[in-house]
Amino acid sequence: MGRSFRSRGIAHAALALVLDEARRAGLHRVTARTLAGNLGARHLLAAAGAVLTPGDDGTVHAVVLL
């Protein structure tokens, strides 16, 4: 996301929509992967209740149970 759009809640709203749609579809979890250095994405995912697990390849795996 471009810097001028950060800190406006856009990513939070988008993730909330994805999680809502996953629930409606009957899914039980949503997974994501991001770079370990992407602190914004890590914070967003953790705030959504994701369990973050560091990978051995410089990534972080996130799981949100629905």
Protein backbone atom coordinates (compact mmCIF):
# COMPACT_ATOMS: atom_id res chain seq x y z
CA MET A 1 0.00 0.00 0.00
CA GLY A 2 1.34 3.45 -0.87
CA ARG A 3 2.58 5.54 2.02
CA SER A 4 -0.11 8.17 1.52
CA PHE A 5 -2.78 5.53 2.22
CA ARG A 6 -1.22 4.03 5.33
CA SER A 7 -2.71 4.45 8.82
CA ARG A 8 -6.21 5.01 7.48
CA GLY A 9 -7.60 1.61 8.43
CA ILE A 10 -7.86 0.40 4.83
CA ALA A 11 -5.90 -2.83 5.36
CA HIS A 12 -7.80 -3.51 8.60
CA ALA A 13 -11.14 -3.08 6.78
CA ALA A 14 -10.00 -5.26 3.87
CA LEU A 15 -8.85 -8.04 6.19
CA ALA A 16 -12.13 -7.83 8.14
CA LEU A 17 -14.04 -8.32 4.87
CA VAL A 18 -11.88 -11.32 3.94
CA LEU A 19 -12.42 -12.91 7.35
CA ASP A 20 -16.17 -12.25 7.23
CA GLU A 21 -16.40 -13.82 3.78
CA ALA A 22 -14.37 -16.82 4.92
CA ARG A 23 -16.77 -17.33 7.84
CA ARG A 24 -19.79 -17.10 5.51
CA ALA A 25 -18.16 -19.67 3.25
CA GLY A 26 -17.87 -22.04 6.21
CA LEU A 27 -14.09 -21.95 6.47
CA HIS A 28 -12.47 -22.63 9.81
CA ARG A 29 -9.18 -20.80 9.31
CA VAL A 30 -7.41 -18.32 7.07
CA THR A 31 -3.69 -18.44 6.46
CA ALA A 32 -1.30 -15.78 5.22
CA ARG A 33 2.41 -15.38 4.71
CA THR A 34 4.40 -12.16 4.81
CA LEU A 35 8.01 -11.11 4.98
CA ALA A 36 9.44 -11.09 8.49
CA GLY A 37 10.42 -7.44 8.08
CA ASN A 38 6.89 -6.33 7.15
CA LEU A 39 5.99 -5.06 10.60
CA GLY A 40 2.75 -3.45 9.41
CA ALA A 41 1.40 -6.72 8.04
CA ARG A 42 2.55 -8.62 11.11
CA HIS A 43 0.81 -6.13 13.42
CA LEU A 44 -2.38 -6.24 11.31
CA LEU A 45 -2.49 -10.04 11.34
CA ALA A 46 -1.75 -10.25 15.08
CA ALA A 47 -4.49 -7.70 15.79
CA ALA A 48 -6.89 -9.97 13.88
CA GLY A 49 -5.99 -12.82 16.22
CA ALA A 50 -3.48 -14.59 14.01
CA VAL A 51 -0.89 -16.90 15.48
CA LEU A 52 2.40 -15.90 13.86
CA THR A 53 5.12 -18.47 13.26
CA PRO A 54 8.52 -17.48 11.86
CA GLY A 55 9.62 -19.42 8.81
CA ASP A 56 13.18 -20.40 8.04
CA ASP A 57 13.09 -18.44 4.78
CA GLY A 58 12.62 -14.89 6.12
CA THR A 59 8.84 -15.11 6.15
CA VAL A 60 6.18 -15.30 8.83
CA HIS A 61 3.22 -17.68 8.54
CA ALA A 62 -0.05 -16.47 10.06
CA VAL A 63 -3.13 -18.51 10.94
CA VAL A 64 -6.43 -16.96 12.00
CA LEU A 65 -8.91 -19.43 13.44
CA LEU A 66 -12.49 -18.51 12.63
